Protein backbone atom coordinates (compact mmCIF):
# COMPACT_ATOMS: atom_id res chain seq x y z
CA MET A 1 57.51 122.52 99.23
CA LEU A 2 58.19 121.15 95.77
CA MET A 3 58.60 117.39 95.93
CA VAL A 4 59.83 115.57 92.78
CA ARG A 5 60.17 111.81 93.01
CA SER A 6 62.25 109.74 90.52
CA THR A 7 60.75 106.29 90.64
CA THR A 8 59.28 105.67 87.17
CA SER A 9 62.14 105.47 84.70
CA SER A 10 65.91 105.76 84.45
CA PHE A 11 65.41 108.45 81.78
CA LEU A 12 63.36 110.56 84.12
CA PHE A 13 65.79 110.00 86.93
CA SER A 14 68.76 111.12 84.84
CA ILE A 15 66.88 114.27 83.80
CA LEU A 16 66.09 114.93 87.50
CA LEU A 17 69.74 114.65 88.59
CA SER A 18 71.03 117.01 85.88
CA SER A 19 68.36 119.71 86.10
CA PRO A 20 68.92 122.76 88.20
CA ILE A 21 65.59 122.33 90.08
CA SER A 22 64.96 123.76 93.58
CA LEU A 23 64.42 120.43 95.47
CA PHE A 24 64.31 116.69 94.74
CA ALA A 25 63.85 113.73 96.99
CA LEU A 26 65.85 110.48 96.78
CA THR A 27 66.09 107.20 98.46
CA LEU A 28 69.50 105.75 99.53
CA ASN A 29 69.64 103.49 96.54
CA GLU A 30 68.78 106.39 94.11
CA ALA A 31 71.43 108.54 95.69
CA ASN A 32 74.12 105.83 95.23
CA GLN A 33 72.97 105.28 91.62
CA SER A 34 73.45 109.06 91.09
CA ALA A 35 76.79 109.16 92.55
CA GLN A 36 78.08 106.26 90.50
CA LYS A 37 76.94 107.88 87.25
CA GLN A 38 77.20 111.59 87.89
CA ASN A 39 80.11 112.16 90.34
CA LEU A 40 82.62 114.51 88.71
CA ASN A 41 85.65 113.04 90.54
CA LEU A 42 84.65 109.69 89.28
CA HIS A 43 84.57 111.02 85.80
CA GLN A 44 88.20 112.17 86.20
CA ALA A 45 89.21 108.55 87.33
CA GLU A 46 87.47 107.17 84.21
CA ALA A 47 89.42 109.71 81.98
CA ASN A 48 92.55 108.11 83.53
CA LEU A 49 91.48 104.77 82.28
CA GLU A 50 90.97 106.12 78.74
CA ALA A 51 94.37 107.65 78.90
CA ALA A 52 95.91 104.29 79.82
CA ARG A 53 94.03 102.75 76.94
CA ALA A 54 95.62 105.34 74.68
CA ARG A 55 99.10 104.53 75.98
CA LEU A 56 98.53 100.74 75.08
CA THR A 57 97.72 101.91 71.57
CA GLN A 58 101.04 103.71 71.40
CA ALA A 59 103.13 101.02 73.16
CA GLY A 60 105.13 98.49 71.23
CA ARG A 61 105.31 100.39 68.05
CA LEU A 62 108.49 100.63 66.05
CA SER A 63 110.24 103.93 65.74
CA ASN A 64 109.87 105.66 62.38
CA PRO A 65 112.44 104.91 59.75
CA ASP A 66 115.09 107.47 58.74
CA PHE A 67 115.76 108.71 55.24
CA GLU A 68 119.08 110.48 54.62
CA PHE A 69 120.29 112.35 51.33
CA GLY A 70 123.52 114.12 50.73
CA ALA A 71 125.34 115.81 47.94
CA ALA A 72 129.01 116.88 47.76
CA LYS A 73 131.39 118.36 45.00
CA SER A 74 135.27 117.65 45.16
CA ASN A 75 138.03 120.02 43.92
CA LEU A 76 138.47 117.66 40.87
CA ASN A 77 134.96 118.66 39.73
CA ARG A 78 133.56 115.24 40.70
CA ASN A 79 130.02 115.02 42.29
CA ARG A 80 128.77 112.60 44.90
CA PHE A 81 125.33 111.83 45.73
CA ILE A 82 124.23 109.68 48.82
CA ALA A 83 120.82 108.32 49.69
CA GLU A 84 120.05 105.96 52.60
CA PHE A 85 116.87 104.32 54.28
CA SER A 86 117.35 102.87 57.63
CA GLN A 87 115.19 101.35 60.36
CA ALA A 88 116.05 100.75 64.04
CA LEU A 89 115.18 97.28 65.15
CA PRO A 90 115.35 96.31 68.90
CA LEU A 91 117.59 93.38 69.81
CA SER A 92 115.29 92.46 72.69
CA LYS A 93 111.64 91.91 73.49
CA LYS A 94 111.43 95.57 74.42
CA LEU A 95 108.23 96.23 72.30
CA SER A 96 106.29 93.40 73.92
CA ILE A 97 107.34 94.47 77.34
CA GLN A 98 106.07 97.94 76.62
CA LYS A 99 102.73 96.50 75.71
CA THR A 100 102.78 94.40 78.93
CA ILE A 101 103.41 97.54 81.11
CA ALA A 102 100.63 99.45 79.30
CA ARG A 103 98.08 96.71 79.98
CA VAL A 104 99.10 96.76 83.68
CA ASP A 105 98.48 100.52 83.60
CA ILE A 106 94.98 99.81 82.28
CA ALA A 107 94.33 97.24 84.93
CA SER A 108 95.65 99.72 87.65
CA ALA A 109 93.40 102.46 86.37
CA ALA A 110 90.44 100.11 86.45
CA LEU A 111 91.33 99.06 90.10
CA GLU A 112 91.55 102.80 91.04
CA ILE A 113 88.08 103.29 89.66
CA SER A 114 86.67 100.46 91.62
CA ASP A 115 88.42 101.63 94.80
CA PHE A 116 87.06 105.18 94.26
CA LYS A 117 83.50 103.78 93.77
CA LEU A 118 83.87 101.79 97.03
CA GLY A 119 84.82 104.85 98.95
CA LEU A 120 82.19 107.04 97.22
CA THR A 121 79.46 104.55 98.07
CA ALA A 122 80.50 104.52 101.57
CA GLU A 123 80.57 108.32 101.81
CA VAL A 124 77.18 108.67 100.22
CA LYS A 125 75.65 106.16 102.66
CA ARG A 126 77.35 107.63 105.76
CA ASN A 127 75.91 111.18 104.70
CA PHE A 128 72.54 109.72 103.85
CA LEU A 129 72.25 108.01 107.22
CA GLU A 130 73.33 111.04 109.04
CA SER A 131 70.64 112.93 107.23
CA LEU A 132 67.92 110.30 108.20
CA PHE A 133 69.26 110.43 111.76
CA LYS A 134 69.02 114.27 112.01
CA GLU A 135 65.55 114.36 110.37
CA GLU A 136 64.29 111.94 112.99
CA VAL A 137 65.93 113.97 115.70
CA ALA A 138 64.34 117.08 114.40
CA ASP A 139 60.96 115.26 114.51
CA LEU A 140 61.54 114.42 118.17
CA TYR A 141 62.32 118.05 119.07
CA GLU A 142 59.33 119.12 117.12
CA GLU A 143 57.20 116.62 119.21
CA LEU A 144 58.78 118.03 122.39
CA LYS A 145 57.86 121.52 121.19
CA VAL A 146 54.27 120.57 120.63
CA LYS A 147 54.03 118.82 124.02
CA LYS A 148 55.32 121.97 125.79
CA GLU A 149 52.79 124.18 123.88
CA GLU A 150 49.99 121.92 125.04
CA LEU A 151 51.41 122.10 128.58
CA LEU A 152 51.49 125.89 128.32
CA THR A 153 47.84 125.98 127.31
CA ALA A 154 46.98 123.78 130.23
CA ILE A 155 48.93 126.04 132.58
CA ARG A 156 47.23 129.18 131.30
CA ALA A 157 43.92 127.49 132.15
CA ARG A 158 45.18 126.62 135.56
CA VAL A 159 46.32 130.13 136.18
CA GLU A 160 42.88 131.41 135.48
CA ALA A 161 41.44 128.91 137.69
CA GLY A 162 43.91 129.80 140.46
CA THR A 163 45.69 126.43 140.56
CA ALA A 164 48.94 127.54 139.07
CA THR A 165 51.17 130.61 139.37
CA ALA A 166 52.50 133.17 136.98
CA PHE A 167 55.99 131.79 137.60
CA GLU A 168 54.90 128.42 136.20
CA LEU A 169 53.53 130.36 133.07
CA VAL A 170 56.81 132.07 132.55
CA THR A 171 58.70 128.92 133.05
CA ALA A 172 56.51 127.06 130.49
CA GLU A 173 56.94 129.87 127.96
CA LYS A 174 60.69 129.82 128.46
CA GLU A 175 60.64 126.01 127.86
CA ILE A 176 58.87 126.48 124.46
CA LEU A 177 61.57 128.96 123.38
CA GLU A 178 64.24 126.42 124.21
CA ALA A 179 62.38 123.64 122.41
CA GLU A 180 62.09 125.90 119.41
CA ASP A 181 65.76 126.55 119.58
CA LEU A 182 66.54 122.71 119.59
CA PHE A 183 64.25 122.13 116.68
CA THR A 184 65.59 125.10 114.52
CA THR A 185 69.12 123.98 115.18
CA ALA A 186 68.18 120.35 114.21
CA VAL A 187 66.39 121.47 110.93
CA ALA A 188 69.56 123.59 110.01
CA GLU A 189 71.71 120.53 110.64
CA VAL A 190 69.43 118.46 108.30
CA GLU A 191 69.79 120.94 105.59
CA ALA A 192 73.54 121.18 105.97
CA ILE A 193 74.17 117.45 105.76
CA GLN A 194 71.78 117.16 102.80
CA LEU A 195 73.74 119.90 100.96
CA THR A 196 76.92 117.99 101.43
CA LEU A 197 75.36 115.04 99.41
CA LEU A 198 74.77 117.16 96.35
CA PRO A 199 78.48 117.38 95.16
CA LEU A 200 78.75 113.60 95.73
CA LEU A 201 75.76 113.04 93.48
CA GLY A 202 77.10 115.36 90.84
CA SER A 203 73.84 117.25 91.10
CA SER A 204 73.20 120.98 90.24
CA ALA A 205 70.01 121.11 92.30
CA ASN A 206 69.79 123.64 95.06
CA SER A 207 68.54 121.36 97.68
CA LEU A 208 67.82 117.72 98.49
CA GLU A 209 65.47 115.73 100.59
CA THR A 210 66.41 112.24 101.77
CA GLU A 211 63.55 109.55 101.84
CA GLY A 212 63.38 106.42 104.08
CA SER A 213 64.08 105.73 107.73
CA LEU A 214 66.96 104.83 109.79
CA ALA A 215 65.42 101.62 110.87
CA GLU A 216 64.73 100.49 107.34
CA GLU A 217 68.34 101.24 106.22
CA ILE A 218 69.67 99.37 109.19
CA ALA A 219 67.58 96.32 108.18
CA LYS A 220 69.17 96.30 104.88
CA LEU A 221 72.68 96.72 106.10
CA GLU A 222 72.31 93.88 108.60
CA ARG A 223 72.12 91.55 105.88
CA ILE A 224 75.87 91.86 105.39
CA GLN A 225 77.66 88.80 106.49
CA ASN A 226 81.04 88.90 108.48
CA LEU A 227 83.71 87.50 106.11
CA PRO A 228 87.11 86.11 106.87
CA LEU A 229 90.30 87.87 105.76
CA THR A 230 90.94 85.25 103.07
CA SER A 231 87.66 86.08 101.29
CA VAL A 232 88.16 89.94 101.76
CA LEU A 233 91.68 90.32 100.44
CA PRO A 234 90.91 89.25 96.80
CA GLN A 235 88.03 91.64 96.74
CA ARG A 236 89.85 94.74 97.89
CA PRO A 237 90.90 97.07 95.00
CA ASP A 238 93.59 98.81 96.99
CA TYR A 239 95.30 95.52 97.92
CA LYS A 240 95.17 94.45 94.26
CA LEU A 241 96.48 97.74 93.34
CA VAL A 242 99.70 96.96 95.38
CA GLU A 243 99.93 93.54 93.98
CA ILE A 244 99.76 94.82 90.37
CA ASN A 245 102.27 97.51 91.14
CA ILE A 246 104.77 94.80 91.82
CA ASP A 247 103.89 93.19 88.56
CA ARG A 248 104.61 96.51 86.81
CA LEU A 249 107.93 96.89 88.52
CA SER A 250 108.93 93.44 87.42
CA SER A 251 108.14 94.41 83.81
CA GLU A 252 109.94 97.74 84.20
CA LYS A 253 113.06 95.77 85.48
CA ALA A 254 112.75 93.50 82.31
CA LEU A 255 112.41 96.60 80.15
CA ALA A 256 115.53 98.18 81.82
CA LYS A 257 117.59 95.00 80.91
CA ALA A 258 116.22 95.15 77.41
CA ASP A 259 117.06 98.82 76.83
CA ALA A 260 120.73 98.10 77.85
CA LEU A 261 121.02 96.02 74.52
CA GLY A 262 119.86 99.00 72.56
CA ASP A 263 118.66 98.72 68.85
CA VAL A 264 120.20 97.34 65.68
CA ARG A 265 120.11 99.92 62.82
CA LEU A 266 119.66 98.36 59.43
CA GLY A 267 119.91 100.53 56.30
CA ILE A 268 119.91 100.32 52.54
CA PHE A 269 121.90 102.95 50.69
CA MET A 270 122.95 104.16 47.34
CA GLU A 271 126.03 106.24 46.54
CA GLN A 272 127.05 107.71 43.16
CA GLU A 273 130.09 109.49 41.94
CA SER A 274 130.21 111.37 38.65
CA GLY A 275 132.08 114.13 36.72
CA GLY A 276 135.81 114.92 36.34
CA ARG A 277 138.10 112.75 34.35
CA ASP A 278 136.80 109.40 35.70
CA ASP A 279 133.81 107.37 34.69
CA ASN A 280 130.54 107.62 36.68
CA GLU A 281 130.39 105.02 39.44
CA THR A 282 127.34 103.86 41.56
CA PHE A 283 127.51 101.89 44.72
CA GLY A 284 124.53 100.12 46.31
CA GLY A 285 124.46 98.11 49.63
CA ILE A 286 123.29 97.63 53.23
CA ARG A 287 124.56 99.27 56.31
CA LEU A 288 124.37 97.59 59.74
CA SER A 289 125.06 99.13 63.07
CA PHE A 290 124.57 98.02 66.68
CA PRO A 291 125.39 99.25 70.14
CA LEU A 292 128.13 97.75 72.25
CA PRO A 293 126.94 97.73 75.88
CA LEU A 294 130.40 97.83 77.37
CA TRP A 295 130.16 100.71 79.82
CA ASN A 296 126.42 101.25 80.44
CA ARG A 297 124.24 98.10 80.96
CA ASN A 298 121.57 99.94 82.92
CA GLN A 299 122.94 98.44 86.13
CA GLY A 300 121.59 101.23 88.35
CA ALA A 301 118.11 101.19 86.75
CA ILE A 302 117.89 97.47 87.19
CA LYS A 303 118.92 97.60 90.90
CA GLU A 304 116.50 100.49 91.41
CA LYS A 305 113.63 98.27 90.21
CA GLU A 306 114.72 95.48 92.39
CA ALA A 307 114.76 97.71 95.41
CA LEU A 308 111.35 98.99 94.47
CA ILE A 309 109.99 95.39 94.03
CA MET A 310 111.18 94.61 97.51
CA LYS A 311 109.57 97.81 98.84
CA GLY A 312 106.33 96.71 97.15
CA LEU A 313 106.30 93.29 98.73
CA LYS A 314 106.67 94.98 102.06
CA ALA A 315 103.89 97.34 101.29
CA LEU A 316 101.72 94.46 100.28
CA ALA A 317 102.35 92.70 103.65
CA ALA A 318 101.60 95.95 105.47
CA ARG A 319 98.36 96.48 103.52
CA GLU A 320 97.28 93.00 104.45
CA LEU A 321 97.79 93.64 108.19
CA GLU A 322 96.02 97.00 107.92
CA ILE A 323 92.90 95.32 106.20
CA LYS A 324 93.07 92.55 108.79
CA ALA A 325 92.86 95.17 111.66
CA ASP A 326 90.14 97.34 109.97
CA LEU A 327 87.93 94.08 109.37
CA GLN A 328 88.36 93.00 113.03
CA ILE A 329 87.60 96.42 114.30
CA ALA A 330 84.49 96.78 112.10
CA GLN A 331 83.26 93.30 113.08
CA ASN A 332 83.77 93.89 116.72
CA ASN A 333 82.10 97.23 116.75
CA ARG A 334 79.17 95.76 114.80
CA ALA A 335 78.58 93.31 117.74
CA ARG A 336 79.24 95.80 120.52
CA LEU A 337 76.97 98.65 119.07
CA LYS A 338 74.09 96.06 118.35
CA ALA A 339 74.14 94.99 121.97
CA LEU A 340 74.37 98.66 123.25
CA CYS A 341 71.42 99.74 121.14
CA ALA A 342 69.30 96.81 122.39
CA LYS A 343 69.95 97.89 125.99
CA TYR A 344 69.13 101.52 125.23
CA THR A 345 65.80 100.36 123.80
CA GLN A 346 65.03 97.72 126.47
CA THR A 347 66.01 99.69 129.56
CA LEU A 348 66.56 103.40 129.06
CA LEU A 349 63.31 104.14 127.09
CA PRO A 350 60.87 102.32 129.14
CA SER A 351 62.12 103.68 132.51
CA THR A 352 62.07 107.34 131.35
CA GLU A 353 58.52 106.84 129.69
CA LYS A 354 57.38 105.41 132.94
CA ALA A 355 58.93 108.33 135.03
CA TYR A 356 57.17 110.85 132.63
CA LYS A 357 53.90 109.27 133.05
CA LEU A 358 54.23 109.33 136.83
CA ALA A 359 55.38 113.04 136.72
CA VAL A 360 52.21 113.92 134.71
CA ILE A 361 49.97 112.17 137.37
CA GLU A 362 51.78 113.84 140.21
CA TYR A 363 51.67 117.34 138.63
CA GLU A 364 47.97 117.14 137.84
CA ALA A 365 47.41 115.97 141.49
CA GLY A 366 49.57 118.83 142.74
CA LYS A 367 52.14 116.54 144.29
CA ALA A 368 55.08 117.46 142.00
CA PRO A 369 56.37 120.91 140.79
CA LEU A 370 56.28 121.85 137.09
CA GLU A 371 60.09 121.54 136.84
CA ARG A 372 59.85 117.77 137.44
CA LEU A 373 57.30 117.36 134.83
CA LEU A 374 59.45 119.34 132.21
CA GLN A 375 62.49 117.42 133.17
CA SER A 376 60.80 114.01 132.72
CA SER A 377 59.48 115.15 129.38
CA GLU A 378 62.90 116.16 128.20
CA SER A 379 64.36 112.93 129.50
CA VAL A 380 62.03 110.96 127.20
CA THR A 381 63.17 112.95 124.20
CA ALA A 382 66.77 112.67 125.30
CA ALA A 383 66.37 108.85 125.57
CA LYS A 384 64.92 108.66 122.09
CA VAL A 385 67.72 110.87 120.74
CA ALA A 386 70.33 108.71 122.51
CA ILE A 387 68.67 105.45 120.89
CA LEU A 388 68.63 107.17 117.46
CA ASP A 389 72.41 108.11 117.97
CA CYS A 390 73.26 104.58 118.94
CA GLN A 391 71.39 103.19 115.81
CA LYS A 392 73.12 105.78 113.70
CA ARG A 393 76.59 104.76 114.89
CA TYR A 394 75.56 101.15 114.39
CA ALA A 395 74.47 101.83 110.91
CA GLN A 396 77.71 103.66 110.18
CA THR A 397 79.74 100.69 111.54
CA LEU A 398 77.76 98.54 109.04
CA VAL A 399 78.60 100.87 106.28
CA GLN A 400 82.36 100.65 107.35
CA LEU A 401 82.21 96.89 107.44
CA GLU A 402 80.69 96.90 103.97
CA LYS A 403 83.54 99.11 102.68
CA VAL A 404 86.29 97.08 104.41
CA GLN A 405 84.77 93.88 102.83
CA ALA A 406 84.70 95.60 99.45
CA GLY A 407 81.00 95.31 99.20
CA SER A 408 81.09 91.54 99.77
CA GLY A 409 79.09 89.65 102.24
CA ALA A 410 75.61 90.93 101.15
CA PRO A 411 73.16 88.17 99.78
CA LYS A 412 73.12 88.16 96.03
CA ASN A 413 69.37 87.29 95.78
CA ILE A 414 67.99 90.41 97.39
CA LYS A 415 65.94 92.52 94.95
CA LYS A 416 66.72 96.21 95.15
């Protein structure tokens, strides 16, 4: 198996991520770094930010001036030439409001990127933890398979010695096939969850190997502190997006009022008449025109923005309630699952291991059937799998808590 480890430099790491190699191995931290740099959907969100910056460049610019030229000839053989240069000038602060809206769009695009990164980090961590969990489950099934193979060898010796029956031998062989089935299925599940990580990482590799252990990652995640709602809300990009949308709507309302005033058009013109019996005559002057907002003052557009602002305020209040519920659920699940996993470790595993040891002694002494020994062996594996599953769910809850708290709550002085 080809193992490529990216631990020496960021340059080597970037080459590793973009190369179509057959297999590479990553820690959770490296996987998250890759996703933050290489994820293609993130690149699309970043393109939206560039588009918003381009709109700011365009916003607030005056319209281009007009130049008009005309010529006419009368039936008295006189000629008329007209030339005019005019510029539209807004009566209101429309241009500055357009710039304000464009700046809000930039802030919104940046918040969308932050929100996407938050979700991307959580998804990478969930899949990575799932991979570590399935790897450790596969190891347990492999241990069970080895244990049953050793038992088969012992039974064959006992059959030759006349202390075991052919039925016990067949039963042991069948148990090995079942253990092989469990192990093969677990390996396939590991491969599947690791492949789902590759698109998140923006990697063109054909396969991936996750490094680390579930216990190590749980220890890191447990450093996250439970935060109150008042500390979480200012950190949530999705909440701030709703807030900033209300600001945008307020600016759009102001723009609708400004548009009702229209633009003043100021022009400089020259007009000349010549020919016929009269002398040549030239006129020069200025021309001013402005709209009269008598029938249309954008009443409908203004009321629409007012209604949308009210809707935005309700959406903001609803989002706060949703975040409050999510925060409470994540913090409660953290406490419950931590206690449950401790019970599994302190009670279930010791009792099943004790029962297995007793079954081995009784079987060797001929006091217990083979089925009891096999069942007790499988019970130990099942207990360990149950503990791992509980720990995985606990880790996933910590990831969810980290996401709900927008990445806040972790100590800042931890070296990564």
